[in-house]
N, C-alpha and C. Protein backbone atom coordinates (compact mmCIF):
# COMPACT_ATOMS: atom_id res chain seq x y z
N MET A 1 -46.25 18.19 15.04
CA MET A 1 -44.82 18.22 15.13
C MET A 1 -44.30 16.97 15.86
N ALA A 2 -44.96 16.60 16.97
CA ALA A 2 -44.55 15.43 17.74
C ALA A 2 -44.71 14.16 16.92
N ALA A 3 -45.73 14.11 16.09
CA ALA A 3 -45.95 12.93 15.23
C ALA A 3 -44.82 12.79 14.22
N ASN A 4 -44.36 13.90 13.66
CA ASN A 4 -43.25 13.86 12.71
C ASN A 4 -41.97 13.38 13.38
N THR A 5 -41.72 13.87 14.58
CA THR A 5 -40.52 13.46 15.31
C THR A 5 -40.58 11.97 15.63
N LEU A 6 -41.74 11.50 16.09
CA LEU A 6 -41.92 10.09 16.39
C LEU A 6 -41.72 9.24 15.13
N PHE A 7 -42.25 9.70 14.00
CA PHE A 7 -42.09 8.98 12.73
C PHE A 7 -40.61 8.89 12.36
N LEU A 8 -39.88 10.00 12.48
CA LEU A 8 -38.44 9.99 12.14
C LEU A 8 -37.65 9.06 13.04
N HIS A 9 -37.94 9.09 14.35
CA HIS A 9 -37.25 8.19 15.28
C HIS A 9 -37.55 6.73 14.94
N SER A 10 -38.81 6.43 14.62
CA SER A 10 -39.18 5.06 14.25
C SER A 10 -38.47 4.63 12.97
N LEU A 11 -38.39 5.53 12.02
CA LEU A 11 -37.72 5.24 10.76
C LEU A 11 -36.24 4.95 10.97
N VAL A 12 -35.60 5.75 11.80
CA VAL A 12 -34.17 5.54 12.10
C VAL A 12 -33.97 4.22 12.79
N LEU A 13 -34.82 3.90 13.77
CA LEU A 13 -34.70 2.62 14.47
C LEU A 13 -34.91 1.44 13.54
N LEU A 14 -35.86 1.54 12.64
CA LEU A 14 -36.11 0.45 11.69
C LEU A 14 -34.97 0.28 10.70
N CYS A 15 -34.38 1.37 10.29
CA CYS A 15 -33.33 1.31 9.27
C CYS A 15 -31.95 1.07 9.85
N SER A 16 -31.74 1.28 11.13
CA SER A 16 -30.39 1.20 11.69
C SER A 16 -29.70 -0.15 11.48
N PRO A 17 -30.39 -1.29 11.57
CA PRO A 17 -29.67 -2.54 11.28
C PRO A 17 -29.17 -2.60 9.84
N PHE A 18 -29.95 -2.06 8.92
CA PHE A 18 -29.54 -2.08 7.52
C PHE A 18 -28.41 -1.10 7.27
N LEU A 19 -28.43 0.02 7.98
CA LEU A 19 -27.35 0.99 7.84
C LEU A 19 -26.05 0.40 8.35
N HIS A 20 -26.12 -0.34 9.45
CA HIS A 20 -24.92 -0.96 10.00
C HIS A 20 -24.36 -1.99 9.03
N ILE A 21 -25.21 -2.81 8.45
CA ILE A 21 -24.76 -3.82 7.49
C ILE A 21 -24.13 -3.14 6.29
N HIS A 22 -24.73 -2.10 5.80
CA HIS A 22 -24.20 -1.40 4.63
C HIS A 22 -22.83 -0.82 4.90
N THR A 23 -22.65 -0.18 6.05
CA THR A 23 -21.36 0.44 6.34
C THR A 23 -20.30 -0.62 6.63
N SER A 24 -20.67 -1.76 7.21
CA SER A 24 -19.67 -2.77 7.52
C SER A 24 -19.15 -3.45 6.25
N LEU A 25 -19.87 -3.37 5.15
CA LEU A 25 -19.43 -4.00 3.91
C LEU A 25 -18.75 -3.02 2.96
N SER A 26 -18.59 -1.77 3.37
CA SER A 26 -18.18 -0.74 2.43
C SER A 26 -16.72 -0.86 1.97
N LEU A 27 -15.76 -0.73 2.85
CA LEU A 27 -14.37 -0.69 2.43
C LEU A 27 -13.55 -1.74 3.16
N PRO A 28 -12.59 -2.36 2.48
CA PRO A 28 -11.72 -3.31 3.17
C PRO A 28 -10.79 -2.57 4.11
N THR A 29 -10.38 -3.23 5.17
CA THR A 29 -9.45 -2.62 6.13
C THR A 29 -8.03 -2.68 5.58
N THR A 30 -7.15 -1.96 6.24
CA THR A 30 -5.73 -1.97 5.86
C THR A 30 -5.18 -3.39 5.92
N THR A 31 -5.55 -4.14 6.96
CA THR A 31 -5.09 -5.52 7.11
C THR A 31 -5.59 -6.38 5.96
N ASP A 32 -6.85 -6.18 5.54
CA ASP A 32 -7.39 -6.92 4.39
C ASP A 32 -6.59 -6.64 3.13
N ILE A 33 -6.30 -5.38 2.90
CA ILE A 33 -5.55 -4.99 1.70
C ILE A 33 -4.15 -5.59 1.74
N GLN A 34 -3.49 -5.55 2.91
CA GLN A 34 -2.16 -6.13 3.04
C GLN A 34 -2.19 -7.63 2.76
N PHE A 35 -3.20 -8.32 3.27
CA PHE A 35 -3.31 -9.76 3.04
C PHE A 35 -3.51 -10.06 1.56
N LEU A 36 -4.42 -9.34 0.92
CA LEU A 36 -4.67 -9.55 -0.52
C LEU A 36 -3.43 -9.25 -1.34
N LEU A 37 -2.74 -8.17 -1.00
CA LEU A 37 -1.53 -7.79 -1.71
C LEU A 37 -0.43 -8.84 -1.54
N SER A 38 -0.20 -9.26 -0.30
CA SER A 38 0.82 -10.29 -0.03
C SER A 38 0.50 -11.59 -0.76
N SER A 39 -0.76 -12.01 -0.71
CA SER A 39 -1.17 -13.25 -1.38
C SER A 39 -0.93 -13.16 -2.88
N CYS A 40 -1.30 -12.04 -3.47
CA CYS A 40 -1.12 -11.86 -4.92
C CYS A 40 0.35 -11.87 -5.29
N LEU A 41 1.18 -11.18 -4.51
CA LEU A 41 2.62 -11.14 -4.81
C LEU A 41 3.23 -12.54 -4.72
N LEU A 42 2.87 -13.28 -3.69
CA LEU A 42 3.42 -14.63 -3.53
C LEU A 42 2.93 -15.56 -4.64
N GLN A 43 1.68 -15.41 -5.08
CA GLN A 43 1.18 -16.21 -6.20
C GLN A 43 1.94 -15.91 -7.48
N ASN A 44 2.46 -14.68 -7.59
CA ASN A 44 3.23 -14.29 -8.77
C ASN A 44 4.73 -14.48 -8.58
N GLN A 45 5.09 -15.30 -7.58
CA GLN A 45 6.49 -15.64 -7.31
C GLN A 45 7.35 -14.41 -6.97
N ILE A 46 6.75 -13.42 -6.33
CA ILE A 46 7.49 -12.24 -5.87
C ILE A 46 7.66 -12.38 -4.37
N HIS A 47 8.92 -12.49 -3.94
CA HIS A 47 9.22 -12.68 -2.52
C HIS A 47 10.01 -11.52 -1.93
N ASN A 48 10.45 -10.61 -2.78
CA ASN A 48 11.29 -9.51 -2.31
C ASN A 48 10.43 -8.28 -1.95
N PHE A 49 9.63 -8.44 -0.90
CA PHE A 49 8.80 -7.35 -0.40
C PHE A 49 8.64 -7.51 1.11
N THR A 50 8.27 -6.45 1.75
CA THR A 50 7.98 -6.47 3.17
C THR A 50 6.75 -5.60 3.41
N THR A 51 5.92 -6.00 4.35
CA THR A 51 4.70 -5.24 4.63
C THR A 51 4.83 -4.51 5.96
N PHE A 52 4.00 -3.48 6.10
CA PHE A 52 3.99 -2.70 7.33
C PHE A 52 3.65 -3.60 8.50
N PRO A 53 4.41 -3.52 9.59
CA PRO A 53 4.12 -4.36 10.76
C PRO A 53 2.71 -4.08 11.26
N SER A 54 1.91 -5.12 11.40
CA SER A 54 0.51 -4.94 11.76
C SER A 54 0.29 -4.79 13.26
N SER A 55 1.27 -5.16 14.07
CA SER A 55 1.11 -5.01 15.52
C SER A 55 2.47 -4.94 16.19
N THR A 56 2.45 -4.55 17.44
CA THR A 56 3.70 -4.46 18.20
C THR A 56 4.19 -5.84 18.61
N THR A 57 3.35 -6.87 18.51
CA THR A 57 3.77 -8.22 18.88
C THR A 57 4.36 -8.98 17.70
N GLU A 58 4.42 -8.34 16.54
CA GLU A 58 4.96 -9.01 15.36
C GLU A 58 6.47 -9.25 15.53
N ASP A 59 6.97 -10.21 14.80
CA ASP A 59 8.39 -10.57 14.83
C ASP A 59 9.27 -9.33 14.63
N PRO A 60 10.19 -9.04 15.56
CA PRO A 60 11.03 -7.85 15.45
C PRO A 60 11.88 -7.80 14.18
N THR A 61 12.28 -8.97 13.64
CA THR A 61 13.08 -8.95 12.41
C THR A 61 12.26 -8.46 11.24
N THR A 62 10.95 -8.78 11.21
CA THR A 62 10.07 -8.29 10.16
C THR A 62 9.93 -6.78 10.27
N THR A 63 9.72 -6.30 11.48
CA THR A 63 9.59 -4.86 11.72
C THR A 63 10.86 -4.15 11.30
N THR A 64 12.01 -4.69 11.68
CA THR A 64 13.30 -4.08 11.34
C THR A 64 13.50 -4.06 9.84
N SER A 65 13.19 -5.16 9.15
CA SER A 65 13.42 -5.19 7.70
C SER A 65 12.51 -4.20 6.99
N PHE A 66 11.27 -4.02 7.48
CA PHE A 66 10.38 -3.04 6.86
C PHE A 66 10.98 -1.64 6.98
N TYR A 67 11.37 -1.26 8.18
CA TYR A 67 11.87 0.10 8.38
C TYR A 67 13.24 0.31 7.72
N ASN A 68 14.08 -0.72 7.69
CA ASN A 68 15.36 -0.59 6.99
C ASN A 68 15.13 -0.33 5.50
N LEU A 69 14.23 -1.07 4.90
CA LEU A 69 13.95 -0.89 3.48
C LEU A 69 13.24 0.43 3.22
N LEU A 70 12.30 0.80 4.08
CA LEU A 70 11.59 2.06 3.92
C LEU A 70 12.53 3.26 4.04
N ASP A 71 13.40 3.23 5.03
CA ASP A 71 14.27 4.37 5.31
C ASP A 71 15.55 4.39 4.48
N TYR A 72 15.76 3.35 3.67
CA TYR A 72 17.01 3.19 2.94
C TYR A 72 17.43 4.43 2.16
N SER A 73 16.53 5.05 1.44
CA SER A 73 16.92 6.18 0.60
C SER A 73 16.14 7.46 0.87
N ILE A 74 15.54 7.56 2.05
CA ILE A 74 14.83 8.81 2.38
C ILE A 74 15.85 9.91 2.63
N GLN A 75 15.75 10.97 1.87
CA GLN A 75 16.66 12.11 2.00
C GLN A 75 16.11 13.17 2.95
N ASN A 76 14.81 13.33 2.97
CA ASN A 76 14.16 14.35 3.80
C ASN A 76 13.64 13.66 5.05
N LEU A 77 14.29 13.88 6.18
CA LEU A 77 14.00 13.14 7.40
C LEU A 77 12.61 13.41 7.98
N ARG A 78 11.93 14.45 7.51
CA ARG A 78 10.59 14.69 8.05
C ARG A 78 9.61 13.58 7.64
N PHE A 79 9.94 12.80 6.61
CA PHE A 79 9.08 11.69 6.19
C PHE A 79 9.39 10.41 6.95
N GLN A 80 10.34 10.48 7.88
CA GLN A 80 10.77 9.32 8.63
C GLN A 80 10.10 9.25 10.01
N GLY A 81 9.48 10.32 10.44
CA GLY A 81 8.92 10.40 11.78
C GLY A 81 7.81 9.40 12.05
N PRO A 82 7.59 9.08 13.32
CA PRO A 82 6.57 8.08 13.68
C PRO A 82 5.14 8.53 13.40
N ALA A 83 4.89 9.82 13.32
CA ALA A 83 3.53 10.32 13.08
C ALA A 83 3.18 10.32 11.59
N ILE A 84 4.15 10.11 10.72
CA ILE A 84 3.92 10.11 9.28
C ILE A 84 3.36 8.75 8.86
N PRO A 85 2.20 8.73 8.17
CA PRO A 85 1.65 7.44 7.70
C PRO A 85 2.65 6.70 6.81
N LYS A 86 2.69 5.40 6.99
CA LYS A 86 3.65 4.55 6.27
C LYS A 86 2.93 3.78 5.17
N PRO A 87 3.71 3.31 4.17
CA PRO A 87 3.11 2.50 3.10
C PRO A 87 2.67 1.13 3.62
N LEU A 88 1.75 0.51 2.91
CA LEU A 88 1.32 -0.84 3.25
C LEU A 88 2.45 -1.84 3.05
N ALA A 89 3.27 -1.57 2.02
CA ALA A 89 4.36 -2.48 1.69
C ALA A 89 5.43 -1.73 0.92
N VAL A 90 6.63 -2.30 0.95
CA VAL A 90 7.74 -1.82 0.12
C VAL A 90 8.22 -3.03 -0.67
N MET A 91 8.28 -2.88 -2.00
CA MET A 91 8.67 -3.98 -2.88
C MET A 91 9.93 -3.61 -3.65
N LEU A 92 10.76 -4.59 -3.88
CA LEU A 92 11.95 -4.42 -4.71
C LEU A 92 11.77 -5.26 -5.97
N SER A 93 11.47 -4.62 -7.06
CA SER A 93 11.29 -5.34 -8.32
C SER A 93 12.65 -5.53 -8.98
N SER A 94 12.96 -6.78 -9.34
CA SER A 94 14.23 -7.09 -9.99
C SER A 94 14.10 -7.22 -11.49
N THR A 95 12.87 -7.45 -11.97
CA THR A 95 12.64 -7.62 -13.40
C THR A 95 11.41 -6.82 -13.81
N THR A 96 11.28 -6.63 -15.11
CA THR A 96 10.11 -5.94 -15.63
C THR A 96 8.85 -6.73 -15.30
N GLU A 97 8.92 -8.06 -15.37
CA GLU A 97 7.77 -8.90 -15.07
C GLU A 97 7.32 -8.73 -13.61
N GLN A 98 8.29 -8.63 -12.70
CA GLN A 98 7.95 -8.41 -11.29
C GLN A 98 7.30 -7.04 -11.10
N LEU A 99 7.80 -6.06 -11.81
CA LEU A 99 7.23 -4.72 -11.72
C LEU A 99 5.78 -4.71 -12.18
N VAL A 100 5.52 -5.36 -13.31
CA VAL A 100 4.16 -5.44 -13.85
C VAL A 100 3.26 -6.19 -12.86
N ALA A 101 3.74 -7.30 -12.30
CA ALA A 101 2.94 -8.07 -11.35
C ALA A 101 2.66 -7.25 -10.08
N ALA A 102 3.64 -6.51 -9.61
CA ALA A 102 3.46 -5.69 -8.41
C ALA A 102 2.37 -4.64 -8.63
N VAL A 103 2.41 -3.97 -9.77
CA VAL A 103 1.40 -2.95 -10.08
C VAL A 103 0.03 -3.61 -10.24
N THR A 104 -0.01 -4.75 -10.89
CA THR A 104 -1.27 -5.47 -11.09
C THR A 104 -1.85 -5.91 -9.74
N CYS A 105 -1.01 -6.38 -8.84
CA CYS A 105 -1.49 -6.83 -7.53
C CYS A 105 -2.10 -5.68 -6.72
N CYS A 106 -1.61 -4.49 -6.91
CA CYS A 106 -2.18 -3.34 -6.20
C CYS A 106 -3.57 -3.04 -6.73
N GLY A 107 -3.81 -3.29 -8.00
CA GLY A 107 -5.10 -3.22 -8.66
C GLY A 107 -6.18 -2.34 -8.07
N GLY A 108 -5.90 -1.11 -7.81
CA GLY A 108 -6.90 -0.19 -7.30
C GLY A 108 -7.09 -0.26 -5.80
N LYS A 109 -6.46 -1.23 -5.13
CA LYS A 109 -6.57 -1.34 -3.68
C LYS A 109 -5.70 -0.30 -2.99
N ALA A 110 -4.60 0.05 -3.64
CA ALA A 110 -3.66 1.02 -3.07
C ALA A 110 -2.94 1.73 -4.22
N GLU A 111 -2.51 2.95 -3.96
CA GLU A 111 -1.73 3.68 -4.96
C GLU A 111 -0.35 3.07 -5.05
N VAL A 112 0.23 3.09 -6.24
CA VAL A 112 1.59 2.60 -6.44
C VAL A 112 2.49 3.81 -6.56
N ARG A 113 3.54 3.85 -5.75
CA ARG A 113 4.51 4.94 -5.79
C ARG A 113 5.86 4.37 -6.18
N ALA A 114 6.43 4.89 -7.23
CA ALA A 114 7.76 4.43 -7.66
C ALA A 114 8.82 5.21 -6.90
N ARG A 115 9.82 4.49 -6.42
CA ARG A 115 10.96 5.13 -5.75
C ARG A 115 12.21 4.70 -6.48
N CYS A 116 13.01 5.66 -6.84
CA CYS A 116 14.20 5.37 -7.62
C CYS A 116 15.34 6.27 -7.18
N GLY A 117 16.00 5.90 -6.12
CA GLY A 117 17.18 6.64 -5.69
C GLY A 117 16.95 7.67 -4.60
N GLY A 118 15.71 7.94 -4.26
CA GLY A 118 15.44 8.86 -3.16
C GLY A 118 15.73 10.31 -3.44
N HIS A 119 15.63 10.74 -4.69
CA HIS A 119 15.98 12.11 -5.05
C HIS A 119 14.84 13.10 -4.85
N SER A 120 13.64 12.63 -4.50
CA SER A 120 12.51 13.54 -4.36
C SER A 120 12.50 14.12 -2.95
N TYR A 121 12.96 15.35 -2.84
CA TYR A 121 12.98 16.00 -1.54
C TYR A 121 11.57 16.25 -1.03
N GLU A 122 10.60 16.34 -1.94
CA GLU A 122 9.21 16.55 -1.56
C GLU A 122 8.56 15.28 -1.05
N GLY A 123 9.23 14.16 -1.18
CA GLY A 123 8.70 12.90 -0.68
C GLY A 123 7.58 12.32 -1.51
N ALA A 124 7.67 12.44 -2.83
CA ALA A 124 6.60 11.97 -3.71
C ALA A 124 6.30 10.49 -3.51
N SER A 125 7.29 9.69 -3.17
CA SER A 125 7.02 8.26 -2.96
C SER A 125 6.74 7.94 -1.50
N SER A 126 7.10 8.81 -0.59
CA SER A 126 6.98 8.51 0.83
C SER A 126 5.85 9.22 1.55
N ALA A 127 5.34 10.28 0.99
CA ALA A 127 4.32 11.08 1.67
C ALA A 127 2.93 10.49 1.47
N TRP A 128 2.07 10.69 2.44
CA TRP A 128 0.71 10.19 2.40
C TRP A 128 -0.20 11.27 1.88
N TYR A 129 -0.97 10.95 0.85
CA TYR A 129 -1.87 11.92 0.24
C TYR A 129 -3.32 11.49 0.40
N GLY A 130 -3.67 10.88 1.53
CA GLY A 130 -5.04 10.54 1.83
C GLY A 130 -5.49 9.16 1.37
N ARG A 131 -4.59 8.35 0.86
CA ARG A 131 -4.97 7.02 0.38
C ARG A 131 -3.87 6.03 0.71
N GLU A 132 -4.24 4.78 0.96
CA GLU A 132 -3.25 3.74 1.21
C GLU A 132 -2.31 3.66 0.01
N PHE A 133 -1.02 3.38 0.27
CA PHE A 133 -0.07 3.33 -0.84
C PHE A 133 0.98 2.26 -0.62
N VAL A 134 1.61 1.90 -1.71
CA VAL A 134 2.68 0.90 -1.74
C VAL A 134 3.86 1.53 -2.47
N ILE A 135 5.05 1.33 -1.95
CA ILE A 135 6.26 1.81 -2.62
C ILE A 135 6.87 0.66 -3.41
N VAL A 136 7.10 0.89 -4.70
CA VAL A 136 7.82 -0.06 -5.53
C VAL A 136 9.19 0.57 -5.79
N ASP A 137 10.21 0.00 -5.16
CA ASP A 137 11.55 0.53 -5.28
C ASP A 137 12.21 -0.06 -6.52
N LEU A 138 12.76 0.81 -7.35
CA LEU A 138 13.31 0.39 -8.64
C LEU A 138 14.84 0.25 -8.63
N MET A 139 15.47 0.26 -7.45
CA MET A 139 16.93 0.24 -7.40
C MET A 139 17.55 -1.01 -8.00
N ARG A 140 16.83 -2.12 -8.06
CA ARG A 140 17.38 -3.35 -8.66
C ARG A 140 17.20 -3.40 -10.18
N LEU A 141 16.41 -2.49 -10.71
CA LEU A 141 16.26 -2.42 -12.17
C LEU A 141 17.37 -1.50 -12.68
N ASN A 142 18.58 -2.05 -12.72
CA ASN A 142 19.76 -1.23 -13.00
C ASN A 142 20.53 -1.65 -14.25
N ALA A 143 19.86 -2.29 -15.17
CA ALA A 143 20.51 -2.71 -16.39
C ALA A 143 19.54 -2.58 -17.57
N VAL A 144 20.11 -2.41 -18.75
CA VAL A 144 19.32 -2.32 -19.97
C VAL A 144 19.90 -3.32 -20.95
N SER A 145 19.04 -4.11 -21.56
CA SER A 145 19.52 -5.02 -22.60
C SER A 145 18.90 -4.60 -23.92
N VAL A 146 19.69 -4.68 -24.97
CA VAL A 146 19.24 -4.25 -26.28
C VAL A 146 19.30 -5.45 -27.24
N ASP A 147 18.22 -5.71 -27.92
CA ASP A 147 18.16 -6.74 -28.95
C ASP A 147 18.34 -6.02 -30.28
N SER A 148 19.51 -6.09 -30.84
CA SER A 148 19.81 -5.34 -32.07
C SER A 148 18.98 -5.85 -33.26
N GLY A 149 18.58 -7.11 -33.22
CA GLY A 149 17.78 -7.64 -34.33
C GLY A 149 16.40 -7.00 -34.39
N SER A 150 15.74 -6.88 -33.24
CA SER A 150 14.41 -6.29 -33.22
C SER A 150 14.42 -4.81 -32.84
N GLU A 151 15.62 -4.32 -32.54
CA GLU A 151 15.81 -2.93 -32.11
C GLU A 151 14.93 -2.58 -30.92
N MET A 152 14.81 -3.52 -29.99
CA MET A 152 14.04 -3.33 -28.77
C MET A 152 14.98 -3.30 -27.58
N THR A 153 14.59 -2.52 -26.58
CA THR A 153 15.38 -2.49 -25.34
C THR A 153 14.66 -3.27 -24.27
């Protein structure tokens, strides 16, 4: 019995450096995802977004703009509390192309939640369901153009 215990302890000690390396490479951090998302959006000429403040020392105007945009259309105040997890970013898409680029930039790194007017009392766009998320606010997509020749909208 003592030999088995000694063998297991030796095995754990030998494998522990490899276990540490494996776990350190597993998932990107929230900051990594925010950086990748911001970089992708800027490469796609999307500037109308704000990211979650990463620290208390961050510029207060950035923090204020994030919370102003986040809280703009929240109807159910329980999703506004400080203990409620916040999105990585809030984006305002002005065109269909920006919307497509925003969704593409999230590319499996974070869930995309559409917000359109704040009518979801259940907080479908604001609530945290166990995964990092981004809110894409559709309030600027407020027009429809129709091409009568091709019958496309």
